[in-house]
Amino acid sequence: MTIAVPPGAHPALVLNADYRPLSYYPLSLWSWQDTIKAVFLDRVNIVSEYEVAIRSPSFQMRLPSVVSLKSYVKPTRNPAFTRFNVFLRDRFVCQYCGSREELTFDHVIPRSRGGQTTWENVVAACSPCNLRKGSAHPRDIGMWPHQMPFQPSVADLHNNGRAFPPNYLHESWLDYLYWDTELDP
């Protein structure tokens, strides 16, 4: 089948040379344009393809749905300190009341009292709890997080992330995403 391919359609899952995704959260995806470029530069192997093809007057190719890097990229040991990763560590739940609405992040020890913007001092918090706590110290108002903040490992984020799958998973990706989960008997 040959069709006009919209720019955001048909992303490719990018696997490391060991056939594990480069990242789970966010999922390592490339646009079909970047994937085709990597194929032509001989940087990836095509593992699986969509039924959709692109073509020019002298060339036709099915779009890759899964590619693996030819050279192994060593994964990072410590995840980046980002808003998304803080929310993922805290399972997208306010650490004060348990709400999943209007999430922001809160400094447990406020910056105005010497608190730092680090894994060990920032938690997910809903806007109402964040406003209620303000710049108070937790001991002054008895408002402690359910889980004290900590620096997660990549495995911690992967384990939490399984509860929040991406909105779109192509069937050709499934064998590579959950390879380490228990199989049903």
C-alpha atoms as a PDB file:
ATOM      1  CA  MET A   1       0.000   0.000   0.000  1.00  0.00           C
ATOM      2  CA  THR A   2       1.365   3.437  -0.886  1.00  0.00           C
ATOM      3  CA  ILE A   3      -0.188   6.520   0.670  1.00  0.00           C
ATOM      4  CA  ALA A   4       0.710  10.070   1.575  1.00  0.00           C
ATOM      5  CA  VAL A   5       2.139   9.853   5.099  1.00  0.00           C
ATOM      6  CA  PRO A   6       1.211  12.647   7.532  1.00  0.00           C
ATOM      7  CA  PRO A   7       4.243  14.036   9.428  1.00  0.00           C
ATOM      8  CA  GLY A   8       3.244  12.736  12.901  1.00  0.00           C
ATOM      9  CA  ALA A   9       2.009   9.336  11.751  1.00  0.00           C
ATOM     10  CA  HIS A  10       3.825   5.989  11.861  1.00  0.00           C
ATOM     11  CA  PRO A  11       6.588   6.586  14.407  1.00  0.00           C
ATOM     12  CA  ALA A  12       9.226   3.877  14.846  1.00  0.00           C
ATOM     13  CA  LEU A  13      10.107   2.284  18.176  1.00  0.00           C
ATOM     14  CA  VAL A  14      13.873   2.634  18.627  1.00  0.00           C
ATOM     15  CA  LEU A  15      15.669  -0.255  20.293  1.00  0.00           C
ATOM     16  CA  ASN A  16      19.222  -0.351  21.505  1.00  0.00           C
ATOM     17  CA  ALA A  17      21.555  -2.927  19.936  1.00  0.00           C
ATOM     18  CA  ASP A  18      20.432  -5.390  22.649  1.00  0.00           C
ATOM     19  CA  TYR A  19      16.794  -5.012  21.471  1.00  0.00           C
ATOM     20  CA  ARG A  20      15.634  -3.119  24.546  1.00  0.00           C
ATOM     21  CA  PRO A  21      13.988   0.310  24.066  1.00  0.00           C
ATOM     22  CA  LEU A  22      16.388   3.220  24.487  1.00  0.00           C
ATOM     23  CA  SER A  23      13.884   4.617  26.986  1.00  0.00           C
ATOM     24  CA  TYR A  24      10.480   3.600  28.255  1.00  0.00           C
ATOM     25  CA  TYR A  25       9.215   6.888  29.677  1.00  0.00           C
ATOM     26  CA  PRO A  26       9.032   8.703  27.412  1.00  0.00           C
ATOM     27  CA  LEU A  27       9.036   5.847  24.962  1.00  0.00           C
ATOM     28  CA  SER A  28      11.927   6.025  22.484  1.00  0.00           C
ATOM     29  CA  LEU A  29      10.164   6.870  19.242  1.00  0.00           C
ATOM     30  CA  TRP A  30      11.434   8.501  16.067  1.00  0.00           C
ATOM     31  CA  SER A  31       9.375  10.132  13.347  1.00  0.00           C
ATOM     32  CA  TRP A  32       9.186   8.180  10.115  1.00  0.00           C
ATOM     33  CA  GLN A  33      11.413  10.846   8.495  1.00  0.00           C
ATOM     34  CA  ASP A  34      14.186  10.446  11.097  1.00  0.00           C
ATOM     35  CA  THR A  35      13.872   6.682  10.873  1.00  0.00           C
ATOM     36  CA  ILE A  36      14.275   6.661   7.073  1.00  0.00           C
ATOM     37  CA  LYS A  37      17.303   8.940   7.404  1.00  0.00           C
ATOM     38  CA  ALA A  38      18.889   6.560   9.954  1.00  0.00           C
ATOM     39  CA  VAL A  39      18.219   3.606   7.607  1.00  0.00           C
ATOM     40  CA  PHE A  40      19.967   5.365   4.721  1.00  0.00           C
ATOM     41  CA  LEU A  41      22.888   6.359   6.961  1.00  0.00           C
ATOM     42  CA  ASP A  42      23.163   2.655   7.923  1.00  0.00           C
ATOM     43  CA  ARG A  43      22.807   3.406  11.655  1.00  0.00           C
ATOM     44  CA  VAL A  44      19.883   1.040  12.306  1.00  0.00           C
ATOM     45  CA  ASN A  45      18.526  -2.365  11.381  1.00  0.00           C
ATOM     46  CA  ILE A  46      14.872  -2.635  10.409  1.00  0.00           C
ATOM     47  CA  VAL A  47      13.184  -5.099  12.756  1.00  0.00           C
ATOM     48  CA  SER A  48       9.535  -4.654  11.753  1.00  0.00           C
ATOM     49  CA  GLU A  49       7.583  -2.626   9.201  1.00  0.00           C
ATOM     50  CA  TYR A  50       4.201  -1.013   8.785  1.00  0.00           C
ATOM     51  CA  GLU A  51       1.989  -1.942   5.845  1.00  0.00           C
ATOM     52  CA  VAL A  52       2.400   1.651   4.662  1.00  0.00           C
ATOM     53  CA  ALA A  53       5.054   2.559   2.090  1.00  0.00           C
ATOM     54  CA  ILE A  54       6.680   5.732   0.890  1.00  0.00           C
ATOM     55  CA  ARG A  55       7.859   6.140  -2.647  1.00  0.00           C
ATOM     56  CA  SER A  56       9.578   8.385  -5.093  1.00  0.00           C
ATOM     57  CA  PRO A  57       9.710   7.949  -8.878  1.00  0.00           C
ATOM     58  CA  SER A  58      12.628   5.503  -8.531  1.00  0.00           C
ATOM     59  CA  PHE A  59      12.260   4.067  -5.031  1.00  0.00           C
ATOM     60  CA  GLN A  60       9.690   2.461  -2.763  1.00  0.00           C
ATOM     61  CA  MET A  61      10.041   1.379   0.876  1.00  0.00           C
ATOM     62  CA  ARG A  62       7.718   0.215   3.634  1.00  0.00           C
ATOM     63  CA  LEU A  63       7.970   2.384   6.728  1.00  0.00           C
ATOM     64  CA  PRO A  64       9.846   0.777   9.631  1.00  0.00           C
ATOM     65  CA  SER A  65       7.783   0.329  12.799  1.00  0.00           C
ATOM     66  CA  VAL A  66      10.672  -1.026  14.906  1.00  0.00           C
ATOM     67  CA  VAL A  67      14.380  -0.380  14.394  1.00  0.00           C
ATOM     68  CA  SER A  68      17.450  -1.366  16.396  1.00  0.00           C
ATOM     69  CA  LEU A  69      20.637   0.629  16.640  1.00  0.00           C
ATOM     70  CA  LYS A  70      23.696  -1.002  15.109  1.00  0.00           C
ATOM     71  CA  SER A  71      25.909   0.364  17.894  1.00  0.00           C
ATOM     72  CA  TYR A  72      25.062  -0.175  21.551  1.00  0.00           C
ATOM     73  CA  VAL A  73      24.338   3.001  23.541  1.00  0.00           C
ATOM     74  CA  LYS A  74      25.114   2.630  27.241  1.00  0.00           C
ATOM     75  CA  PRO A  75      21.976   3.576  29.213  1.00  0.00           C
ATOM     76  CA  THR A  76      22.212   6.309  31.810  1.00  0.00           C
ATOM     77  CA  ARG A  77      22.388   5.109  35.388  1.00  0.00           C
ATOM     78  CA  ASN A  78      20.561   8.049  36.898  1.00  0.00           C
ATOM     79  CA  PRO A  79      17.396   9.462  35.358  1.00  0.00           C
ATOM     80  CA  ALA A  80      17.240  13.154  34.525  1.00  0.00           C
ATOM     81  CA  PHE A  81      15.671  15.407  37.139  1.00  0.00           C
ATOM     82  CA  THR A  82      12.612  16.621  35.210  1.00  0.00           C
ATOM     83  CA  ARG A  83       9.063  17.547  36.124  1.00  0.00           C
ATOM     84  CA  PHE A  84       7.764  14.475  34.254  1.00  0.00           C
ATOM     85  CA  ASN A  85      10.168  12.139  36.084  1.00  0.00           C
ATOM     86  CA  VAL A  86       9.183  13.614  39.481  1.00  0.00           C
ATOM     87  CA  PHE A  87       5.528  12.968  38.613  1.00  0.00           C
ATOM     88  CA  LEU A  88       6.375   9.457  37.397  1.00  0.00           C
ATOM     89  CA  ARG A  89       8.355   8.687  40.572  1.00  0.00           C
ATOM     90  CA  ASP A  90       5.338   9.845  42.611  1.00  0.00           C
ATOM     91  CA  ARG A  91       2.918   7.938  40.310  1.00  0.00           C
ATOM     92  CA  PHE A  92       1.152  11.156  39.213  1.00  0.00           C
ATOM     93  CA  VAL A  93      -0.393  11.531  42.684  1.00  0.00           C
ATOM     94  CA  CYS A  94      -0.267  14.479  45.084  1.00  0.00           C
ATOM     95  CA  GLN A  95       1.981  13.354  47.913  1.00  0.00           C
ATOM     96  CA  TYR A  96      -0.102  15.270  50.450  1.00  0.00           C
ATOM     97  CA  CYS A  97      -3.735  14.370  49.655  1.00  0.00           C
ATOM     98  CA  GLY A  98      -3.611  11.700  46.942  1.00  0.00           C
ATOM     99  CA  SER A  99      -5.330  13.787  44.247  1.00  0.00           C
ATOM    100  CA  ARG A 100      -4.439  13.279  40.571  1.00  0.00           C
ATOM    101  CA  GLU A 101      -5.762  16.702  39.515  1.00  0.00           C
ATOM    102  CA  GLU A 102      -3.885  19.966  38.872  1.00  0.00           C
ATOM    103  CA  LEU A 103      -0.435  18.529  39.645  1.00  0.00           C
ATOM    104  CA  THR A 104       2.484  20.845  40.271  1.00  0.00           C
ATOM    105  CA  PHE A 105       5.587  20.173  42.285  1.00  0.00           C
ATOM    106  CA  ASP A 106       6.387  21.301  45.799  1.00  0.00           C
ATOM    107  CA  HIS A 107       9.627  21.860  47.666  1.00  0.00           C
ATOM    108  CA  VAL A 108       9.179  19.917  50.938  1.00  0.00           C
ATOM    109  CA  ILE A 109      11.648  22.290  52.594  1.00  0.00           C
ATOM    110  CA  PRO A 110      10.733  25.591  50.882  1.00  0.00           C
ATOM    111  CA  ARG A 111      13.416  27.380  48.885  1.00  0.00           C
ATOM    112  CA  SER A 112      12.796  30.421  51.093  1.00  0.00           C
ATOM    113  CA  ARG A 113      14.022  28.280  54.005  1.00  0.00           C
ATOM    114  CA  GLY A 114      17.082  26.895  52.240  1.00  0.00           C
ATOM    115  CA  GLY A 115      15.466  23.958  50.456  1.00  0.00           C
ATOM    116  CA  GLN A 116      17.055  22.890  47.190  1.00  0.00           C
ATOM    117  CA  THR A 117      15.466  21.883  43.897  1.00  0.00           C
ATOM    118  CA  THR A 118      16.639  18.267  44.036  1.00  0.00           C
ATOM    119  CA  TRP A 119      15.186  14.771  43.912  1.00  0.00           C
ATOM    120  CA  GLU A 120      15.402  14.616  47.703  1.00  0.00           C
ATOM    121  CA  ASN A 121      13.338  17.777  48.272  1.00  0.00           C
ATOM    122  CA  VAL A 122      10.701  17.932  45.503  1.00  0.00           C
ATOM    123  CA  VAL A 123       7.395  16.029  45.390  1.00  0.00           C
ATOM    124  CA  ALA A 124       4.307  16.017  43.191  1.00  0.00           C
ATOM    125  CA  ALA A 125       1.572  18.147  44.766  1.00  0.00           C
ATOM    126  CA  CYS A 126      -1.831  19.328  43.618  1.00  0.00           C
ATOM    127  CA  SER A 127      -2.301  23.088  43.365  1.00  0.00           C
ATOM    128  CA  PRO A 128      -4.595  23.334  46.441  1.00  0.00           C
ATOM    129  CA  CYS A 129      -2.087  21.490  48.674  1.00  0.00           C
ATOM    130  CA  ASN A 130       0.813  23.465  47.253  1.00  0.00           C
ATOM    131  CA  LEU A 131      -1.000  26.733  47.994  1.00  0.00           C
ATOM    132  CA  ARG A 132      -2.048  25.565  51.474  1.00  0.00           C
ATOM    133  CA  LYS A 133       1.518  24.577  52.362  1.00  0.00           C
ATOM    134  CA  GLY A 134       3.006  27.713  50.840  1.00  0.00           C
ATOM    135  CA  SER A 135       6.420  28.502  52.276  1.00  0.00           C
ATOM    136  CA  ALA A 136       5.769  26.742  55.574  1.00  0.00           C
ATOM    137  CA  HIS A 137       8.037  24.008  56.890  1.00  0.00           C
ATOM    138  CA  PRO A 138       6.201  20.640  57.055  1.00  0.00           C
ATOM    139  CA  ARG A 139       6.732  20.334  60.823  1.00  0.00           C
ATOM    140  CA  ASP A 140       5.147  23.764  61.425  1.00  0.00           C
ATOM    141  CA  ILE A 141       1.833  22.782  59.789  1.00  0.00           C
ATOM    142  CA  GLY A 142       1.948  18.979  60.106  1.00  0.00           C
ATOM    143  CA  MET A 143       1.898  18.529  56.354  1.00  0.00           C
ATOM    144  CA  TRP A 144       4.322  15.731  55.457  1.00  0.00           C
ATOM    145  CA  PRO A 145       4.342  13.900  52.113  1.00  0.00           C
ATOM    146  CA  HIS A 146       3.000  10.324  52.138  1.00  0.00           C
ATOM    147  CA  GLN A 147       6.296   9.248  50.554  1.00  0.00           C
ATOM    148  CA  MET A 148       9.426  11.198  51.320  1.00  0.00           C
ATOM    149  CA  PRO A 149      11.209  12.318  48.145  1.00  0.00           C
ATOM    150  CA  PHE A 150      14.170  10.264  46.905  1.00  0.00           C
ATOM    151  CA  GLN A 151      16.326   9.939  43.820  1.00  0.00           C
ATOM    152  CA  PRO A 152      14.783   7.092  41.809  1.00  0.00           C
ATOM    153  CA  SER A 153      16.705   4.612  39.736  1.00  0.00           C
ATOM    154  CA  VAL A 154      15.887   4.032  36.093  1.00  0.00           C
ATOM    155  CA  ALA A 155      14.289   0.738  37.220  1.00  0.00           C
ATOM    156  CA  ASP A 156      12.044   2.620  39.698  1.00  0.00           C
ATOM    157  CA  LEU A 157      10.740   4.835  36.887  1.00  0.00           C
ATOM    158  CA  HIS A 158      10.294   1.863  34.523  1.00  0.00           C
ATOM    159  CA  ASN A 159       8.309  -0.017  37.173  1.00  0.00           C
ATOM    160  CA  ASN A 160       6.075   2.997  37.879  1.00  0.00           C
ATOM    161  CA  GLY A 161       5.699   3.745  34.188  1.00  0.00           C
ATOM    162  CA  ARG A 162       4.136   0.379  33.422  1.00  0.00           C
ATOM    163  CA  ALA A 163       0.981   1.678  35.082  1.00  0.00           C
ATOM    164  CA  PHE A 164       0.875   4.550  32.552  1.00  0.00           C
ATOM    165  CA  PRO A 165       1.263   3.097  29.050  1.00  0.00           C
ATOM    166  CA  PRO A 166       1.527   5.496  26.109  1.00  0.00           C
ATOM    167  CA  ASN A 167      -1.692   6.489  24.346  1.00  0.00           C
ATOM    168  CA  TYR A 168      -0.642   4.604  21.242  1.00  0.00           C
ATOM    169  CA  LEU A 169       1.151   1.249  21.059  1.00  0.00           C
ATOM    170  CA  HIS A 170       1.557  -0.386  17.676  1.00  0.00           C
ATOM    171  CA  GLU A 171       1.205  -4.182  17.809  1.00  0.00           C
ATOM    172  CA  SER A 172       4.733  -4.630  16.401  1.00  0.00           C
ATOM    173  CA  TRP A 173       6.165  -2.877  19.482  1.00  0.00           C
ATOM    174  CA  LEU A 174       4.633  -5.097  22.152  1.00  0.00           C
ATOM    175  CA  ASP A 175       7.252  -7.859  22.067  1.00  0.00           C
ATOM    176  CA  TYR A 176       9.957  -5.298  22.835  1.00  0.00           C
ATOM    177  CA  LEU A 177       8.244  -3.261  25.525  1.00  0.00           C
ATOM    178  CA  TYR A 178       7.288  -5.797  28.126  1.00  0.00           C
ATOM    179  CA  TRP A 179       9.957  -8.461  27.659  1.00  0.00           C
ATOM    180  CA  ASP A 180      10.713  -8.608  31.400  1.00  0.00           C
ATOM    181  CA  THR A 181       7.149  -9.035  32.690  1.00  0.00           C
ATOM    182  CA  GLU A 182       5.811 -12.376  33.842  1.00  0.00           C
ATOM    183  CA  LEU A 183       4.031 -14.413  31.223  1.00  0.00           C
ATOM    184  CA  ASP A 184       0.561 -15.803  31.866  1.00  0.00           C
ATOM    185  CA  PRO A 185       0.573 -19.612  32.225  1.00  0.00           C
END
